Amino acid sequence: MEKQTLPNSTLILVFGILSIVGCCCYGIGIIFAVIAIVMAKKATALYTENPELYEGYNNVKTGKILSIIGIVLGAIYLAYVIFIFATVGLEGYQEMIEEITRGAGA
């Protein structure tokens, strides 16, 4: 009997990658990471029932690891943003961004 690919194994991997790429986009990466972890949990349960029927479990494991990394990086970034807004406020944050863009343009 031919092995089937685990459902959503590639999508889990893609969402894991997107969670890391989107970690600095004010929480977008965390959304992808949570979706990927939930899908990975379902795929893992399906694989553990009949491991001889499915392939692509490596994509699921890799996507889950990337999602965990994406959650950690996203949480660190969100904590940083909250800290910046709490200390300097919105106006101070905008001034910092303006200084950075002026420095990069010179």
N, C-alpha and C. Protein backbone atom coordinates (compact mmCIF):
# COMPACT_ATOMS: atom_id res chain seq x y z
N MET A 1 0.83 -1.17 0.00
CA MET A 1 0.00 0.00 0.00
C MET A 1 0.88 1.25 0.00
N GLU A 2 0.48 2.22 -0.77
CA GLU A 2 1.24 3.44 -0.92
C GLU A 2 0.97 4.39 0.25
N LYS A 3 2.03 5.04 0.72
CA LYS A 3 1.88 5.97 1.85
C LYS A 3 1.25 7.27 1.37
N GLN A 4 0.41 7.84 2.24
CA GLN A 4 -0.21 9.12 1.96
C GLN A 4 0.56 10.21 2.70
N THR A 5 0.51 11.40 2.13
CA THR A 5 1.11 12.54 2.82
C THR A 5 0.16 12.99 3.91
N LEU A 6 0.71 13.32 5.06
CA LEU A 6 -0.13 13.82 6.15
C LEU A 6 -0.88 15.07 5.71
N PRO A 7 -2.16 15.16 6.06
CA PRO A 7 -2.90 16.37 5.69
C PRO A 7 -2.29 17.62 6.31
N ASN A 8 -2.15 18.63 5.51
CA ASN A 8 -1.65 19.94 5.93
C ASN A 8 -0.20 19.95 6.39
N SER A 9 0.58 18.93 6.08
CA SER A 9 1.97 18.92 6.55
C SER A 9 2.78 20.05 5.92
N THR A 10 2.57 20.32 4.65
CA THR A 10 3.28 21.41 4.00
C THR A 10 2.78 22.76 4.51
N LEU A 11 1.48 22.87 4.75
CA LEU A 11 0.91 24.11 5.25
C LEU A 11 1.42 24.43 6.66
N ILE A 12 1.60 23.40 7.47
CA ILE A 12 2.16 23.59 8.81
C ILE A 12 3.58 24.16 8.71
N LEU A 13 4.36 23.62 7.80
CA LEU A 13 5.72 24.11 7.60
C LEU A 13 5.72 25.57 7.12
N VAL A 14 4.84 25.88 6.17
CA VAL A 14 4.76 27.25 5.64
C VAL A 14 4.33 28.21 6.74
N PHE A 15 3.33 27.83 7.54
CA PHE A 15 2.90 28.71 8.63
C PHE A 15 3.99 28.88 9.68
N GLY A 16 4.79 27.84 9.91
CA GLY A 16 5.92 27.97 10.83
C GLY A 16 6.93 28.97 10.33
N ILE A 17 7.21 28.94 9.03
CA ILE A 17 8.13 29.91 8.44
C ILE A 17 7.55 31.32 8.51
N LEU A 18 6.26 31.45 8.19
CA LEU A 18 5.61 32.76 8.25
C LEU A 18 5.56 33.32 9.66
N SER A 19 5.50 32.44 10.65
CA SER A 19 5.48 32.92 12.03
C SER A 19 6.80 33.58 12.41
N ILE A 20 7.90 33.09 11.86
CA ILE A 20 9.20 33.71 12.13
C ILE A 20 9.36 34.98 11.31
N VAL A 21 8.93 34.93 10.05
CA VAL A 21 9.04 36.12 9.20
C VAL A 21 8.16 37.25 9.73
N GLY A 22 6.98 36.91 10.24
CA GLY A 22 6.05 37.93 10.72
C GLY A 22 6.17 38.26 12.19
N CYS A 23 7.23 37.82 12.84
CA CYS A 23 7.35 38.04 14.28
C CYS A 23 7.49 39.52 14.63
N CYS A 24 7.96 40.34 13.72
CA CYS A 24 8.14 41.77 13.99
C CYS A 24 7.03 42.61 13.39
N CYS A 25 5.90 42.00 13.13
CA CYS A 25 4.76 42.71 12.53
C CYS A 25 3.61 42.84 13.51
N TYR A 26 3.93 43.20 14.75
CA TYR A 26 2.94 43.49 15.78
C TYR A 26 1.97 42.33 16.01
N GLY A 27 2.45 41.11 16.03
CA GLY A 27 1.64 39.97 16.42
C GLY A 27 1.13 39.10 15.29
N ILE A 28 1.39 39.45 14.05
CA ILE A 28 0.94 38.64 12.93
C ILE A 28 1.59 37.26 12.98
N GLY A 29 2.86 37.20 13.33
CA GLY A 29 3.57 35.93 13.40
C GLY A 29 3.00 35.00 14.46
N ILE A 30 2.52 35.58 15.56
CA ILE A 30 1.95 34.76 16.62
C ILE A 30 0.68 34.07 16.14
N ILE A 31 -0.10 34.76 15.32
CA ILE A 31 -1.33 34.16 14.78
C ILE A 31 -0.99 32.95 13.92
N PHE A 32 -0.02 33.10 13.02
CA PHE A 32 0.40 31.98 12.18
C PHE A 32 0.94 30.83 13.03
N ALA A 33 1.68 31.17 14.06
CA ALA A 33 2.29 30.15 14.91
C ALA A 33 1.23 29.34 15.65
N VAL A 34 0.23 30.00 16.19
CA VAL A 34 -0.81 29.29 16.93
C VAL A 34 -1.59 28.37 15.99
N ILE A 35 -1.91 28.86 14.80
CA ILE A 35 -2.62 28.02 13.82
C ILE A 35 -1.77 26.80 13.46
N ALA A 36 -0.49 27.01 13.24
CA ALA A 36 0.40 25.90 12.87
C ALA A 36 0.51 24.87 14.00
N ILE A 37 0.57 25.33 15.24
CA ILE A 37 0.68 24.39 16.37
C ILE A 37 -0.59 23.57 16.52
N VAL A 38 -1.74 24.20 16.35
CA VAL A 38 -3.00 23.46 16.44
C VAL A 38 -3.09 22.41 15.32
N MET A 39 -2.71 22.82 14.11
CA MET A 39 -2.74 21.87 12.99
C MET A 39 -1.71 20.76 13.19
N ALA A 40 -0.55 21.09 13.76
CA ALA A 40 0.48 20.09 14.01
C ALA A 40 0.03 19.08 15.06
N LYS A 41 -0.72 19.54 16.05
CA LYS A 41 -1.23 18.63 17.07
C LYS A 41 -2.18 17.61 16.45
N LYS A 42 -3.05 18.06 15.55
CA LYS A 42 -3.98 17.15 14.88
C LYS A 42 -3.23 16.17 13.98
N ALA A 43 -2.24 16.68 13.24
CA ALA A 43 -1.47 15.82 12.34
C ALA A 43 -0.64 14.80 13.13
N THR A 44 -0.11 15.21 14.27
CA THR A 44 0.66 14.29 15.11
C THR A 44 -0.22 13.18 15.66
N ALA A 45 -1.42 13.54 16.08
CA ALA A 45 -2.35 12.53 16.58
C ALA A 45 -2.71 11.53 15.47
N LEU A 46 -2.91 12.02 14.27
CA LEU A 46 -3.23 11.15 13.14
C LEU A 46 -2.04 10.24 12.79
N TYR A 47 -0.85 10.78 12.86
CA TYR A 47 0.34 10.00 12.55
C TYR A 47 0.61 8.94 13.60
N THR A 48 0.41 9.25 14.87
CA THR A 48 0.69 8.27 15.92
C THR A 48 -0.30 7.11 15.91
N GLU A 49 -1.50 7.32 15.37
CA GLU A 49 -2.45 6.22 15.24
C GLU A 49 -1.98 5.18 14.23
N ASN A 50 -1.52 5.63 13.07
CA ASN A 50 -1.07 4.73 12.00
C ASN A 50 0.17 5.30 11.32
N PRO A 51 1.34 5.15 11.92
CA PRO A 51 2.54 5.75 11.31
C PRO A 51 2.94 5.10 9.99
N GLU A 52 2.52 3.87 9.77
CA GLU A 52 2.90 3.20 8.52
C GLU A 52 2.09 3.68 7.32
N LEU A 53 1.02 4.41 7.55
CA LEU A 53 0.17 4.89 6.46
C LEU A 53 0.58 6.27 5.94
N TYR A 54 1.34 7.02 6.73
CA TYR A 54 1.59 8.42 6.37
C TYR A 54 3.07 8.72 6.26
N GLU A 55 3.35 9.71 5.42
CA GLU A 55 4.69 10.27 5.31
C GLU A 55 4.57 11.79 5.43
N GLY A 56 5.67 12.47 5.60
CA GLY A 56 5.66 13.92 5.73
C GLY A 56 5.63 14.38 7.18
N TYR A 57 5.91 13.47 8.09
CA TYR A 57 5.90 13.86 9.51
C TYR A 57 7.05 14.80 9.84
N ASN A 58 8.13 14.72 9.06
CA ASN A 58 9.25 15.64 9.30
C ASN A 58 8.84 17.10 9.06
N ASN A 59 7.97 17.33 8.07
CA ASN A 59 7.46 18.69 7.85
C ASN A 59 6.65 19.17 9.04
N VAL A 60 5.88 18.27 9.64
CA VAL A 60 5.06 18.63 10.79
C VAL A 60 5.96 18.99 11.97
N LYS A 61 6.97 18.16 12.23
CA LYS A 61 7.87 18.45 13.35
C LYS A 61 8.62 19.75 13.15
N THR A 62 9.13 19.97 11.94
CA THR A 62 9.86 21.19 11.64
C THR A 62 8.96 22.41 11.76
N GLY A 63 7.75 22.32 11.22
CA GLY A 63 6.81 23.43 11.31
C GLY A 63 6.44 23.76 12.74
N LYS A 64 6.30 22.72 13.58
CA LYS A 64 5.98 22.94 14.99
C LYS A 64 7.13 23.64 15.71
N ILE A 65 8.36 23.23 15.44
CA ILE A 65 9.52 23.87 16.05
C ILE A 65 9.63 25.32 15.60
N LEU A 66 9.43 25.57 14.32
CA LEU A 66 9.49 26.95 13.81
C LEU A 66 8.38 27.81 14.42
N SER A 67 7.23 27.21 14.64
CA SER A 67 6.11 27.94 15.25
C SER A 67 6.42 28.31 16.69
N ILE A 68 7.03 27.41 17.42
CA ILE A 68 7.42 27.72 18.80
C ILE A 68 8.43 28.86 18.82
N ILE A 69 9.40 28.81 17.91
CA ILE A 69 10.38 29.89 17.81
C ILE A 69 9.68 31.20 17.44
N GLY A 70 8.71 31.13 16.51
CA GLY A 70 7.96 32.32 16.11
C GLY A 70 7.17 32.92 17.26
N ILE A 71 6.58 32.07 18.11
CA ILE A 71 5.84 32.57 19.26
C ILE A 71 6.79 33.27 20.23
N VAL A 72 7.94 32.68 20.48
CA VAL A 72 8.90 33.29 21.41
C VAL A 72 9.39 34.63 20.87
N LEU A 73 9.77 34.67 19.59
CA LEU A 73 10.25 35.92 19.01
C LEU A 73 9.15 36.98 18.97
N GLY A 74 7.93 36.56 18.63
CA GLY A 74 6.82 37.50 18.60
C GLY A 74 6.50 38.05 19.98
N ALA A 75 6.56 37.19 21.00
CA ALA A 75 6.30 37.64 22.36
C ALA A 75 7.38 38.61 22.84
N ILE A 76 8.63 38.33 22.50
CA ILE A 76 9.71 39.24 22.87
C ILE A 76 9.52 40.59 22.18
N TYR A 77 9.16 40.58 20.91
CA TYR A 77 8.96 41.83 20.18
C TYR A 77 7.77 42.61 20.75
N LEU A 78 6.67 41.92 21.05
CA LEU A 78 5.52 42.61 21.62
C LEU A 78 5.85 43.21 22.99
N ALA A 79 6.63 42.49 23.78
CA ALA A 79 7.05 43.03 25.08
C ALA A 79 7.92 44.27 24.88
N TYR A 80 8.78 44.25 23.88
CA TYR A 80 9.63 45.40 23.57
C TYR A 80 8.78 46.60 23.16
N VAL A 81 7.80 46.38 22.30
CA VAL A 81 6.94 47.48 21.86
C VAL A 81 6.15 48.05 23.02
N ILE A 82 5.63 47.19 23.87
CA ILE A 82 4.89 47.66 25.04
C ILE A 82 5.81 48.46 25.96
N PHE A 83 7.02 48.00 26.14
CA PHE A 83 8.00 48.73 26.96
C PHE A 83 8.30 50.11 26.38
N ILE A 84 8.50 50.17 25.07
CA ILE A 84 8.80 51.46 24.41
C ILE A 84 7.62 52.42 24.57
N PHE A 85 6.40 51.93 24.32
CA PHE A 85 5.24 52.81 24.46
C PHE A 85 5.03 53.23 25.90
N ALA A 86 5.34 52.37 26.85
CA ALA A 86 5.16 52.71 28.26
C ALA A 86 6.20 53.73 28.73
N THR A 87 7.39 53.69 28.16
CA THR A 87 8.44 54.60 28.62
C THR A 87 8.45 55.93 27.87
N VAL A 88 8.38 55.92 26.55
CA VAL A 88 8.49 57.16 25.79
C VAL A 88 7.17 57.59 25.17
N GLY A 89 6.20 56.74 25.10
CA GLY A 89 4.91 57.09 24.52
C GLY A 89 4.93 57.06 23.00
N LEU A 90 3.79 57.36 22.43
CA LEU A 90 3.65 57.31 20.97
C LEU A 90 4.49 58.40 20.30
N GLU A 91 4.50 59.59 20.88
CA GLU A 91 5.27 60.69 20.28
C GLU A 91 6.76 60.41 20.31
N GLY A 92 7.24 59.88 21.41
CA GLY A 92 8.66 59.52 21.50
C GLY A 92 9.03 58.42 20.53
N TYR A 93 8.12 57.47 20.35
CA TYR A 93 8.35 56.38 19.39
C TYR A 93 8.43 56.94 17.97
N GLN A 94 7.53 57.85 17.64
CA GLN A 94 7.54 58.44 16.31
C GLN A 94 8.82 59.26 16.09
N GLU A 95 9.29 59.95 17.11
CA GLU A 95 10.54 60.69 16.98
C GLU A 95 11.73 59.75 16.77
N MET A 96 11.72 58.62 17.47
CA MET A 96 12.80 57.63 17.28
C MET A 96 12.80 57.13 15.85
N ILE A 97 11.64 56.84 15.30
CA ILE A 97 11.54 56.34 13.92
C ILE A 97 12.02 57.41 12.94
N GLU A 98 11.65 58.67 13.18
CA GLU A 98 12.09 59.75 12.30
C GLU A 98 13.61 59.90 12.32
N GLU A 99 14.22 59.80 13.51
CA GLU A 99 15.68 59.89 13.62
C GLU A 99 16.36 58.74 12.89
N ILE A 100 15.78 57.56 13.01
CA ILE A 100 16.36 56.40 12.33
C ILE A 100 16.28 56.57 10.83
N THR A 101 15.14 57.04 10.33
CA THR A 101 15.00 57.21 8.87
C THR A 101 15.87 58.35 8.36
N ARG A 102 16.03 59.41 9.16
CA ARG A 102 16.93 60.48 8.74
C ARG A 102 18.37 60.00 8.69
N GLY A 103 18.75 59.19 9.66
CA GLY A 103 20.11 58.66 9.70
C GLY A 103 20.38 57.69 8.57
N ALA A 104 19.37 56.94 8.17
CA ALA A 104 19.54 55.98 7.08
C ALA A 104 19.59 56.68 5.73
N GLY A 105 18.91 57.82 5.62
CA GLY A 105 18.86 58.55 4.35
C GLY A 105 20.10 59.38 4.11
N ALA A 106 20.86 59.66 5.13
CA ALA A 106 22.03 60.54 4.98
C ALA A 106 23.22 59.81 4.48
